[in-house]
């Protein structure tokens, strides 16, 4: 066999959503659902997908001097993707090739960091589904593995429904539901062996 199936042997996660456990002490992540975009020996990068920022896409377009005449697109919310580089934009979207800086997160989710995807969205020729986030979550080498061992996170396969279709306030409960867990059960089980 070739090297294609090395996820099991390395322990690195791919196509996963991290769900913060109730005991999460870092206020940046309490109650968060974070799509893991990259995880290797150097660390991990994720985009939190259930925290609304205080502004809309219109303000992002304005900052980038992009014209957008579609009011529905202009009014779309922007997410707080994480505490690192909060002025840097990340677009999670359904697969569409041709952007300068894109990476597949799974078969039906890509992340693009280049301005061209936002220009395409502004003119109405962007990906079918997308969410725009500012900032990201970052972990140094071995840090996320340590947090997983300490049960700071639950993990579930990333699902394009959660990322693109589910209302933002429902994403925490929706991600837990994929594991067959209800939020009230999660809280009542903490501290019990």
N, C-alpha and C. Protein backbone atom coordinates (compact mmCIF):
# COMPACT_ATOMS: atom_id res chain seq x y z
N UNK A 1 0.83 -1.19 0.00
CA UNK A 1 0.00 0.00 0.00
C UNK A 1 0.86 1.24 0.00
N UNK A 2 0.35 2.28 -0.64
CA UNK A 2 1.08 3.54 -0.70
C UNK A 2 0.92 4.33 0.58
N UNK A 3 1.29 5.62 0.51
CA UNK A 3 1.26 6.47 1.69
C UNK A 3 -0.10 7.15 1.88
N UNK A 4 -1.06 6.86 1.02
CA UNK A 4 -2.31 7.60 0.99
C UNK A 4 -3.13 7.57 2.26
N UNK A 5 -2.99 6.51 3.07
CA UNK A 5 -3.89 6.37 4.20
C UNK A 5 -3.15 6.55 5.52
N UNK A 6 -2.47 7.68 5.70
CA UNK A 6 -1.63 7.83 6.89
C UNK A 6 -2.32 8.55 8.04
N UNK A 7 -3.61 8.87 7.92
CA UNK A 7 -4.29 9.59 9.00
C UNK A 7 -4.29 8.76 10.28
N UNK A 8 -4.63 7.47 10.18
CA UNK A 8 -4.70 6.63 11.37
C UNK A 8 -3.33 6.53 12.06
N UNK A 9 -2.27 6.40 11.29
CA UNK A 9 -0.97 6.20 11.91
C UNK A 9 -0.41 7.48 12.52
N UNK A 10 -0.74 8.63 11.96
CA UNK A 10 -0.18 9.87 12.49
C UNK A 10 -1.04 10.45 13.60
N UNK A 11 -2.33 10.14 13.60
CA UNK A 11 -3.21 10.72 14.60
C UNK A 11 -3.66 12.12 14.25
N UNK A 12 -3.35 12.61 13.07
CA UNK A 12 -3.78 13.95 12.68
C UNK A 12 -5.21 13.91 12.17
N UNK A 13 -5.96 14.91 12.53
CA UNK A 13 -7.37 14.95 12.17
C UNK A 13 -7.56 15.67 10.84
N UNK A 14 -8.46 15.15 10.03
CA UNK A 14 -8.83 15.86 8.81
C UNK A 14 -10.34 15.83 8.69
N UNK A 15 -10.89 16.82 8.05
CA UNK A 15 -12.34 16.93 7.84
C UNK A 15 -13.12 16.82 9.14
N UNK A 16 -12.63 17.42 10.21
CA UNK A 16 -13.30 17.33 11.51
C UNK A 16 -13.78 18.70 11.97
N UNK A 17 -14.85 18.65 12.77
CA UNK A 17 -15.32 19.82 13.48
C UNK A 17 -15.00 19.58 14.95
N UNK A 18 -14.44 20.60 15.60
CA UNK A 18 -14.14 20.53 17.03
C UNK A 18 -15.28 21.20 17.79
N UNK A 19 -15.84 20.51 18.77
CA UNK A 19 -16.93 21.05 19.58
C UNK A 19 -16.37 21.27 20.98
N UNK A 20 -16.40 22.52 21.45
CA UNK A 20 -15.84 22.81 22.77
C UNK A 20 -16.69 22.17 23.86
N UNK A 21 -16.02 21.50 24.78
CA UNK A 21 -16.72 20.89 25.92
C UNK A 21 -17.08 22.00 26.92
N UNK A 22 -18.09 21.74 27.77
CA UNK A 22 -18.52 22.78 28.72
C UNK A 22 -17.42 23.28 29.65
N UNK A 23 -16.42 22.44 29.91
CA UNK A 23 -15.34 22.85 30.79
C UNK A 23 -14.28 23.73 30.12
N UNK A 24 -14.47 24.09 28.86
CA UNK A 24 -13.48 24.90 28.13
C UNK A 24 -13.22 26.20 28.89
N UNK A 25 -11.98 26.39 29.32
CA UNK A 25 -11.66 27.58 30.11
C UNK A 25 -11.30 28.78 29.26
N UNK A 26 -10.82 28.56 28.04
CA UNK A 26 -10.44 29.66 27.16
C UNK A 26 -11.71 30.31 26.61
N UNK A 27 -11.95 31.56 27.00
CA UNK A 27 -13.18 32.25 26.60
C UNK A 27 -13.28 32.42 25.08
N UNK A 28 -12.14 32.35 24.38
CA UNK A 28 -12.18 32.42 22.92
C UNK A 28 -12.93 31.24 22.31
N UNK A 29 -13.00 30.13 23.04
CA UNK A 29 -13.56 28.91 22.47
C UNK A 29 -14.76 28.34 23.22
N UNK A 30 -15.14 28.93 24.35
CA UNK A 30 -16.29 28.41 25.10
C UNK A 30 -17.52 28.39 24.19
N UNK A 31 -18.16 27.24 24.11
CA UNK A 31 -19.37 27.11 23.30
C UNK A 31 -19.14 27.15 21.81
N UNK A 32 -17.91 26.93 21.38
CA UNK A 32 -17.61 27.10 19.96
C UNK A 32 -17.64 25.79 19.18
N UNK A 33 -17.85 25.96 17.87
CA UNK A 33 -17.75 24.87 16.90
C UNK A 33 -16.72 25.35 15.88
N UNK A 34 -15.64 24.60 15.71
CA UNK A 34 -14.53 25.04 14.88
C UNK A 34 -14.22 24.00 13.82
N UNK A 35 -14.24 24.43 12.57
CA UNK A 35 -13.89 23.55 11.46
C UNK A 35 -12.38 23.48 11.36
N UNK A 36 -11.83 22.27 11.49
CA UNK A 36 -10.39 22.08 11.39
C UNK A 36 -10.00 22.09 9.91
N UNK A 37 -9.17 23.05 9.52
CA UNK A 37 -8.78 23.18 8.11
C UNK A 37 -7.46 22.47 7.83
N UNK A 38 -6.59 22.42 8.83
CA UNK A 38 -5.27 21.82 8.63
C UNK A 38 -4.78 21.31 9.97
N UNK A 39 -4.14 20.13 9.97
CA UNK A 39 -3.60 19.56 11.21
C UNK A 39 -2.42 18.66 10.83
N UNK A 40 -1.24 19.05 11.28
CA UNK A 40 -0.05 18.25 10.99
C UNK A 40 0.94 18.41 12.14
N UNK A 41 2.16 17.95 11.95
CA UNK A 41 3.13 17.99 13.05
C UNK A 41 3.47 19.41 13.49
N UNK A 42 3.24 20.39 12.61
CA UNK A 42 3.55 21.78 12.96
C UNK A 42 2.44 22.44 13.75
N UNK A 43 1.26 21.82 13.76
CA UNK A 43 0.15 22.40 14.50
C UNK A 43 -1.16 22.27 13.75
N UNK A 44 -2.11 23.13 14.10
CA UNK A 44 -3.43 23.04 13.49
C UNK A 44 -4.00 24.44 13.28
N UNK A 45 -4.86 24.54 12.28
CA UNK A 45 -5.56 25.78 11.97
C UNK A 45 -7.03 25.44 11.82
N UNK A 46 -7.88 26.25 12.44
CA UNK A 46 -9.32 26.04 12.33
C UNK A 46 -10.05 27.36 12.20
N UNK A 47 -11.29 27.28 11.74
CA UNK A 47 -12.15 28.45 11.61
C UNK A 47 -13.40 28.20 12.45
N UNK A 48 -13.65 29.05 13.44
CA UNK A 48 -14.85 28.92 14.25
C UNK A 48 -16.05 29.32 13.40
N UNK A 49 -17.09 28.49 13.41
CA UNK A 49 -18.21 28.70 12.48
C UNK A 49 -19.52 29.03 13.19
N UNK A 50 -19.48 29.32 14.49
CA UNK A 50 -20.75 29.63 15.16
C UNK A 50 -20.70 30.92 15.99
N UNK A 51 -19.83 31.84 15.59
CA UNK A 51 -19.76 33.14 16.28
C UNK A 51 -19.93 34.25 15.27
N UNK A 52 -20.99 35.02 15.42
CA UNK A 52 -21.24 36.13 14.50
C UNK A 52 -20.40 37.34 14.88
N UNK A 53 -19.80 37.97 13.90
CA UNK A 53 -19.10 39.24 14.12
C UNK A 53 -20.15 40.36 14.14
N UNK A 54 -19.73 41.55 14.47
CA UNK A 54 -20.66 42.67 14.58
C UNK A 54 -20.90 43.39 13.27
N UNK A 55 -20.50 42.82 12.17
CA UNK A 55 -20.69 43.53 10.89
C UNK A 55 -21.05 42.57 9.78
N UNK A 56 -21.36 43.15 8.65
CA UNK A 56 -21.83 42.37 7.50
C UNK A 56 -20.77 42.36 6.41
N UNK A 57 -21.07 41.60 5.38
CA UNK A 57 -20.18 41.48 4.24
C UNK A 57 -19.96 42.83 3.55
N UNK A 58 -20.94 43.72 3.61
CA UNK A 58 -20.82 45.05 2.99
C UNK A 58 -19.58 45.77 3.53
N UNK A 59 -19.32 45.63 4.83
CA UNK A 59 -18.16 46.31 5.43
C UNK A 59 -16.84 45.69 4.97
N UNK A 60 -16.85 44.38 4.76
CA UNK A 60 -15.65 43.71 4.24
C UNK A 60 -15.40 44.19 2.81
N UNK A 61 -16.46 44.23 1.99
CA UNK A 61 -16.32 44.71 0.61
C UNK A 61 -15.80 46.15 0.60
N UNK A 62 -16.31 46.98 1.49
CA UNK A 62 -15.89 48.38 1.56
C UNK A 62 -14.39 48.48 1.87
N UNK A 63 -13.92 47.68 2.84
CA UNK A 63 -12.50 47.67 3.20
C UNK A 63 -11.63 47.29 2.01
N UNK A 64 -12.13 46.34 1.20
CA UNK A 64 -11.36 45.85 0.05
C UNK A 64 -11.65 46.63 -1.23
N UNK A 65 -12.48 47.66 -1.10
CA UNK A 65 -12.87 48.49 -2.25
C UNK A 65 -13.48 47.65 -3.38
N UNK A 66 -14.41 46.76 -2.97
CA UNK A 66 -15.13 45.94 -3.93
C UNK A 66 -16.56 46.44 -4.03
N UNK A 67 -17.06 46.55 -5.24
CA UNK A 67 -18.45 46.96 -5.47
C UNK A 67 -19.34 45.74 -5.42
N UNK A 68 -20.46 45.85 -4.72
CA UNK A 68 -21.47 44.78 -4.72
C UNK A 68 -22.83 45.44 -4.67
N UNK A 69 -23.65 45.20 -5.69
CA UNK A 69 -24.97 45.82 -5.76
C UNK A 69 -26.09 44.92 -5.26
N UNK A 70 -25.75 43.67 -4.92
CA UNK A 70 -26.76 42.73 -4.45
C UNK A 70 -26.93 42.91 -2.94
N UNK A 71 -28.08 43.44 -2.55
CA UNK A 71 -28.33 43.75 -1.14
C UNK A 71 -28.30 42.49 -0.26
N UNK A 72 -28.79 41.37 -0.78
CA UNK A 72 -28.79 40.12 0.00
C UNK A 72 -27.36 39.68 0.33
N UNK A 73 -26.46 39.81 -0.64
CA UNK A 73 -25.05 39.46 -0.40
C UNK A 73 -24.42 40.46 0.56
N UNK A 74 -24.68 41.74 0.35
CA UNK A 74 -24.10 42.79 1.21
C UNK A 74 -24.51 42.61 2.67
N UNK A 75 -25.73 42.12 2.89
CA UNK A 75 -26.25 41.99 4.26
C UNK A 75 -25.86 40.68 4.94
N UNK A 76 -25.15 39.80 4.23
CA UNK A 76 -24.77 38.53 4.84
C UNK A 76 -23.86 38.77 6.05
N UNK A 77 -24.06 37.98 7.11
CA UNK A 77 -23.21 38.15 8.29
C UNK A 77 -21.80 37.63 8.05
N UNK A 78 -20.89 38.12 8.84
CA UNK A 78 -19.50 37.67 8.83
C UNK A 78 -19.28 36.96 10.16
N UNK A 79 -18.46 35.92 10.15
CA UNK A 79 -18.18 35.17 11.38
C UNK A 79 -16.86 35.61 12.01
N UNK A 80 -16.78 35.45 13.32
CA UNK A 80 -15.50 35.60 14.02
C UNK A 80 -14.83 34.23 13.95
N UNK A 81 -13.84 34.10 13.08
CA UNK A 81 -13.22 32.81 12.83
C UNK A 81 -12.26 32.34 13.91
N UNK A 82 -11.82 33.27 14.76
CA UNK A 82 -10.89 32.91 15.83
C UNK A 82 -10.07 34.10 16.25
N UNK A 83 -9.30 33.95 17.33
CA UNK A 83 -8.58 35.08 17.91
C UNK A 83 -7.29 35.49 17.17
N UNK A 84 -6.81 34.64 16.26
CA UNK A 84 -5.56 34.95 15.57
C UNK A 84 -5.85 35.72 14.28
N UNK A 85 -5.10 36.78 14.02
CA UNK A 85 -5.22 37.58 12.79
C UNK A 85 -6.68 37.95 12.48
N UNK A 86 -7.35 38.67 13.41
CA UNK A 86 -8.77 38.98 13.22
C UNK A 86 -9.07 39.90 12.04
N UNK A 87 -8.03 40.43 11.41
CA UNK A 87 -8.25 41.28 10.24
C UNK A 87 -8.06 40.49 8.93
N UNK A 88 -7.77 39.21 9.05
CA UNK A 88 -7.53 38.38 7.87
C UNK A 88 -8.78 37.58 7.52
N UNK A 89 -9.16 37.61 6.25
CA UNK A 89 -10.39 36.95 5.83
C UNK A 89 -10.18 35.52 5.34
N UNK A 90 -11.15 34.68 5.67
CA UNK A 90 -11.18 33.28 5.23
C UNK A 90 -12.57 33.02 4.67
N UNK A 91 -12.64 32.45 3.48
CA UNK A 91 -13.93 32.11 2.91
C UNK A 91 -14.03 30.59 2.84
N UNK A 92 -14.98 30.05 3.59
CA UNK A 92 -15.30 28.63 3.50
C UNK A 92 -16.36 28.51 2.43
N UNK A 93 -16.18 27.61 1.48
CA UNK A 93 -17.14 27.55 0.37
C UNK A 93 -17.24 26.16 -0.23
N UNK A 94 -18.33 25.96 -0.97
CA UNK A 94 -18.48 24.73 -1.74
C UNK A 94 -17.44 24.75 -2.84
N UNK A 95 -17.02 23.58 -3.33
CA UNK A 95 -15.91 23.53 -4.27
C UNK A 95 -16.11 24.40 -5.52
N UNK A 96 -15.12 25.23 -5.77
CA UNK A 96 -15.02 26.01 -7.01
C UNK A 96 -13.54 26.30 -7.19
N UNK A 97 -13.01 25.83 -8.29
CA UNK A 97 -11.59 25.99 -8.57
C UNK A 97 -11.30 27.38 -9.14
N UNK A 98 -10.02 27.69 -9.24
CA UNK A 98 -9.60 28.89 -9.95
C UNK A 98 -9.20 30.06 -9.08
N UNK A 99 -9.31 29.93 -7.77
CA UNK A 99 -8.91 31.02 -6.91
C UNK A 99 -7.42 30.87 -6.58
N UNK A 100 -6.79 31.99 -6.28
CA UNK A 100 -5.34 32.03 -6.11
C UNK A 100 -4.85 31.17 -4.93
N UNK A 101 -5.58 31.22 -3.82
CA UNK A 101 -5.09 30.53 -2.62
C UNK A 101 -6.21 29.74 -1.96
N UNK A 102 -6.43 28.51 -2.43
CA UNK A 102 -7.49 27.65 -1.91
C UNK A 102 -6.92 26.33 -1.42
N UNK A 103 -7.65 25.73 -0.49
CA UNK A 103 -7.26 24.42 0.02
C UNK A 103 -8.53 23.63 0.28
N UNK A 104 -8.56 22.37 -0.11
CA UNK A 104 -9.72 21.53 0.17
C UNK A 104 -9.68 21.11 1.63
N UNK A 105 -10.82 21.24 2.31
CA UNK A 105 -10.95 20.79 3.69
C UNK A 105 -11.56 19.39 3.69
N UNK A 106 -12.29 19.08 2.65
CA UNK A 106 -12.95 17.79 2.47
C UNK A 106 -13.51 17.79 1.06
N UNK A 107 -14.27 16.77 0.69
CA UNK A 107 -14.78 16.70 -0.67
C UNK A 107 -15.76 17.81 -1.03
N UNK A 108 -16.44 18.39 -0.01
CA UNK A 108 -17.43 19.41 -0.33
C UNK A 108 -17.22 20.73 0.39
N UNK A 109 -16.01 20.95 0.94
CA UNK A 109 -15.69 22.22 1.60
C UNK A 109 -14.28 22.63 1.20
N UNK A 110 -14.13 23.89 0.81
CA UNK A 110 -12.82 24.47 0.54
C UNK A 110 -12.67 25.72 1.40
N UNK A 111 -11.43 26.12 1.64
CA UNK A 111 -11.17 27.41 2.28
C UNK A 111 -10.25 28.19 1.34
N UNK A 112 -10.62 29.45 1.11
CA UNK A 112 -9.83 30.32 0.25
C UNK A 112 -9.50 31.59 1.03
N UNK A 113 -8.24 32.01 0.92
CA UNK A 113 -7.79 33.19 1.66
C UNK A 113 -7.45 34.36 0.74
N UNK A 114 -7.55 34.16 -0.57
CA UNK A 114 -7.18 35.24 -1.49
C UNK A 114 -8.40 36.15 -1.78
N UNK A 115 -8.12 37.39 -2.12
CA UNK A 115 -9.14 38.42 -2.36
C UNK A 115 -10.05 38.06 -3.53
N UNK A 116 -9.54 37.26 -4.48
CA UNK A 116 -10.31 36.98 -5.70
C UNK A 116 -11.64 36.28 -5.43
N UNK A 117 -11.71 35.47 -4.38
CA UNK A 117 -12.99 34.81 -4.09
C UNK A 117 -14.02 35.83 -3.62
N UNK A 118 -13.59 36.82 -2.85
CA UNK A 118 -14.52 37.87 -2.40
C UNK A 118 -14.95 38.75 -3.57
N UNK A 119 -14.04 38.99 -4.51
CA UNK A 119 -14.40 39.76 -5.71
C UNK A 119 -15.45 39.00 -6.51
N UNK A 120 -15.29 37.68 -6.64
CA UNK A 120 -16.27 36.86 -7.36
C UNK A 120 -17.62 36.87 -6.65
N UNK A 121 -17.61 36.77 -5.33
CA UNK A 121 -18.85 36.82 -4.55
C UNK A 121 -19.54 38.17 -4.75
N UNK A 122 -18.76 39.25 -4.70
CA UNK A 122 -19.32 40.60 -4.84
C UNK A 122 -20.02 40.79 -6.19
N UNK A 123 -19.46 40.17 -7.22
CA UNK A 123 -20.07 40.34 -8.55
C UNK A 123 -21.07 39.24 -8.89
N UNK A 124 -21.32 38.34 -7.93
CA UNK A 124 -22.36 37.33 -8.14
C UNK A 124 -21.89 36.07 -8.84
N UNK A 125 -20.58 35.90 -9.02
CA UNK A 125 -20.08 34.70 -9.70
C UNK A 125 -19.26 33.81 -8.77
N UNK A 126 -19.48 33.97 -7.48
CA UNK A 126 -18.73 33.19 -6.49
C UNK A 126 -19.27 31.79 -6.33
N UNK A 127 -18.73 31.06 -5.35
CA UNK A 127 -19.18 29.70 -5.09
C UNK A 127 -20.68 29.66 -4.76
N UNK A 128 -21.28 28.49 -4.94
CA UNK A 128 -22.72 28.33 -4.69
C UNK A 128 -23.06 28.66 -3.23
N UNK A 129 -22.28 28.12 -2.29
CA UNK A 129 -22.50 28.39 -0.87
C UNK A 129 -21.17 28.83 -0.26
N UNK A 130 -21.24 29.77 0.67
CA UNK A 130 -20.01 30.26 1.30
C UNK A 130 -20.34 30.94 2.63
N UNK A 131 -19.33 31.00 3.48
CA UNK A 131 -19.38 31.83 4.68
C UNK A 131 -18.03 32.53 4.78
N UNK A 132 -18.07 33.77 5.23
CA UNK A 132 -16.86 34.57 5.36
C UNK A 132 -16.56 34.72 6.85
N UNK A 133 -15.32 34.44 7.21
CA UNK A 133 -14.89 34.57 8.60
C UNK A 133 -13.65 35.44 8.66
N UNK A 134 -13.53 36.18 9.75
CA UNK A 134 -12.32 36.97 9.98
C UNK A 134 -11.59 36.37 11.17
N UNK A 135 -10.31 36.11 10.97
CA UNK A 135 -9.50 35.49 12.02
C UNK A 135 -9.59 33.98 11.97
N UNK A 136 -8.69 33.35 12.73
CA UNK A 136 -8.68 31.89 12.78
C UNK A 136 -8.19 31.42 14.14
N UNK A 137 -8.36 30.15 14.39
CA UNK A 137 -7.85 29.51 15.60
C UNK A 137 -6.58 28.78 15.23
N UNK A 138 -5.56 28.91 16.04
CA UNK A 138 -4.29 28.25 15.74
C UNK A 138 -3.74 27.52 16.95
N UNK A 139 -3.14 26.38 16.69
CA UNK A 139 -2.50 25.59 17.74
C UNK A 139 -1.09 25.25 17.29
N UNK A 140 -0.13 25.32 18.20
CA UNK A 140 1.24 24.92 17.89
C UNK A 140 1.34 23.40 17.83
N UNK A 141 2.49 22.90 17.39
CA UNK A 141 2.71 21.46 17.27
C UNK A 141 2.42 20.73 18.58
N UNK A 142 1.53 19.74 18.53
CA UNK A 142 1.20 18.94 19.71
C UNK A 142 0.17 19.57 20.63
N UNK A 143 -0.12 20.86 20.47
CA UNK A 143 -1.03 21.55 21.40
C UNK A 143 -2.46 21.01 21.30
N UNK A 144 -2.98 20.86 20.09
CA UNK A 144 -4.34 20.36 19.94
C UNK A 144 -4.44 18.92 20.45
N UNK A 145 -3.44 18.10 20.17
CA UNK A 145 -3.44 16.72 20.66
C UNK A 145 -3.56 16.70 22.18
N UNK A 146 -2.82 17.61 22.84
CA UNK A 146 -2.89 17.70 24.30
C UNK A 146 -4.29 18.08 24.78
N UNK A 147 -4.91 19.04 24.09
CA UNK A 147 -6.26 19.47 24.47
C UNK A 147 -7.27 18.34 24.24
N UNK A 148 -7.06 17.56 23.18
CA UNK A 148 -7.95 16.43 22.93
C UNK A 148 -7.79 15.36 24.02
N UNK A 149 -6.56 15.13 24.46
CA UNK A 149 -6.34 14.15 25.54
C UNK A 149 -7.00 14.61 26.83
N UNK A 150 -7.06 15.94 27.02
CA UNK A 150 -7.68 16.49 28.25
C UNK A 150 -9.19 16.64 28.10
N UNK A 151 -9.74 16.11 27.00
CA UNK A 151 -11.19 16.17 26.75
C UNK A 151 -11.74 17.59 26.67
N UNK A 152 -10.94 18.52 26.14
CA UNK A 152 -11.43 19.89 25.94
C UNK A 152 -12.37 19.97 24.74
N UNK A 153 -12.25 19.00 23.83
CA UNK A 153 -13.03 19.02 22.58
C UNK A 153 -13.65 17.66 22.30
N UNK A 154 -14.81 17.68 21.68
CA UNK A 154 -15.36 16.51 21.02
C UNK A 154 -15.11 16.72 19.54
N UNK A 155 -14.97 15.65 18.77
CA UNK A 155 -14.79 15.80 17.33
C UNK A 155 -15.85 15.02 16.58
N UNK A 156 -16.26 15.57 15.44
CA UNK A 156 -17.22 14.93 14.56
C UNK A 156 -16.82 15.26 13.13
N UNK A 157 -17.13 14.38 12.20
CA UNK A 157 -16.80 14.65 10.80
C UNK A 157 -17.45 15.96 10.36
N UNK A 158 -16.70 16.76 9.63
CA UNK A 158 -17.22 18.01 9.09
C UNK A 158 -18.33 17.70 8.10
N UNK A 159 -19.36 18.47 8.16
CA UNK A 159 -20.54 18.25 7.36
C UNK A 159 -20.90 19.58 6.71
N UNK A 160 -21.04 19.62 5.40
CA UNK A 160 -21.31 20.89 4.73
C UNK A 160 -22.63 21.50 5.20
N UNK A 161 -23.58 20.67 5.69
CA UNK A 161 -24.83 21.22 6.24
C UNK A 161 -24.55 22.15 7.40
N UNK A 162 -23.69 21.69 8.33
CA UNK A 162 -23.37 22.49 9.52
C UNK A 162 -22.70 23.79 9.09
N UNK A 163 -21.76 23.70 8.16
CA UNK A 163 -20.97 24.86 7.75
C UNK A 163 -21.79 25.87 6.95
N UNK A 164 -22.65 25.40 6.04
CA UNK A 164 -23.31 26.32 5.11
C UNK A 164 -24.80 26.51 5.33
N UNK A 165 -25.51 25.49 5.81
CA UNK A 165 -26.96 25.56 5.80
C UNK A 165 -27.60 25.81 7.16
N UNK A 166 -27.00 25.32 8.20
CA UNK A 166 -27.58 25.44 9.53
C UNK A 166 -27.47 26.88 10.03
N UNK A 167 -28.55 27.43 10.63
CA UNK A 167 -28.45 28.78 11.20
C UNK A 167 -27.31 28.83 12.24
N UNK A 168 -26.57 29.91 12.25
CA UNK A 168 -25.39 30.04 13.11
C UNK A 168 -25.68 29.70 14.57
N UNK A 169 -26.78 30.20 15.17
CA UNK A 169 -27.03 29.88 16.59
C UNK A 169 -27.29 28.40 16.85
N UNK A 170 -27.62 27.62 15.82
CA UNK A 170 -27.94 26.20 16.00
C UNK A 170 -26.74 25.28 15.78
N UNK A 171 -25.61 25.82 15.40
CA UNK A 171 -24.50 24.96 14.98
C UNK A 171 -23.88 24.15 16.11
N UNK A 172 -23.82 24.69 17.31
CA UNK A 172 -23.26 23.94 18.44
C UNK A 172 -24.13 22.71 18.71
N UNK A 173 -25.42 22.94 18.86
CA UNK A 173 -26.35 21.84 19.12
C UNK A 173 -26.41 20.88 17.93
N UNK A 174 -26.36 21.43 16.72
CA UNK A 174 -26.41 20.59 15.51
C UNK A 174 -25.20 19.69 15.40
N UNK A 175 -24.01 20.22 15.72
CA UNK A 175 -22.79 19.41 15.66
C UNK A 175 -22.84 18.31 16.72
N UNK A 176 -23.30 18.67 17.93
CA UNK A 176 -23.43 17.64 18.98
C UNK A 176 -24.43 16.57 18.57
N UNK A 177 -25.50 16.99 17.90
CA UNK A 177 -26.52 16.05 17.45
C UNK A 177 -25.96 15.00 16.51
N UNK A 178 -24.93 15.36 15.74
CA UNK A 178 -24.29 14.39 14.84
C UNK A 178 -23.64 13.26 15.62
N UNK A 179 -23.32 13.54 16.89
CA UNK A 179 -22.74 12.52 17.77
C UNK A 179 -23.82 11.82 18.58
N UNK A 180 -25.08 12.24 18.40
CA UNK A 180 -26.17 11.65 19.17
C UNK A 180 -26.25 12.19 20.59
N UNK A 181 -25.69 13.40 20.80
CA UNK A 181 -25.67 13.99 22.15
C UNK A 181 -26.55 15.23 22.16
N UNK A 182 -27.34 15.36 23.23
CA UNK A 182 -28.15 16.57 23.42
C UNK A 182 -27.41 17.48 24.39
N UNK A 183 -27.53 18.80 24.19
CA UNK A 183 -26.78 19.76 25.00
C UNK A 183 -27.05 19.57 26.48
N UNK A 184 -28.31 19.37 26.89
CA UNK A 184 -28.61 19.23 28.32
C UNK A 184 -27.95 17.98 28.91
N UNK A 185 -27.80 16.92 28.13
CA UNK A 185 -27.12 15.71 28.60
C UNK A 185 -25.62 15.99 28.78
N UNK A 186 -25.06 16.75 27.88
CA UNK A 186 -23.63 17.05 27.93
C UNK A 186 -23.30 17.74 29.26
N UNK A 187 -24.10 18.72 29.65
CA UNK A 187 -23.84 19.45 30.89
C UNK A 187 -24.04 18.57 32.12
N UNK A 188 -25.07 17.72 32.11
CA UNK A 188 -25.36 16.92 33.30
C UNK A 188 -24.35 15.79 33.49
N UNK A 189 -23.65 15.41 32.43
CA UNK A 189 -22.70 14.28 32.55
C UNK A 189 -21.32 14.75 33.00
N UNK A 190 -21.05 16.04 32.96
CA UNK A 190 -19.72 16.51 33.31
C UNK A 190 -19.42 16.19 34.79
N UNK A 191 -18.25 15.67 34.99
CA UNK A 191 -17.81 15.36 36.35
C UNK A 191 -18.23 13.98 36.83
N UNK A 192 -18.98 13.25 36.00
CA UNK A 192 -19.38 11.90 36.38
C UNK A 192 -18.55 10.89 35.62
N UNK A 193 -18.02 9.89 36.33
CA UNK A 193 -17.20 8.87 35.66
C UNK A 193 -18.09 7.81 35.06
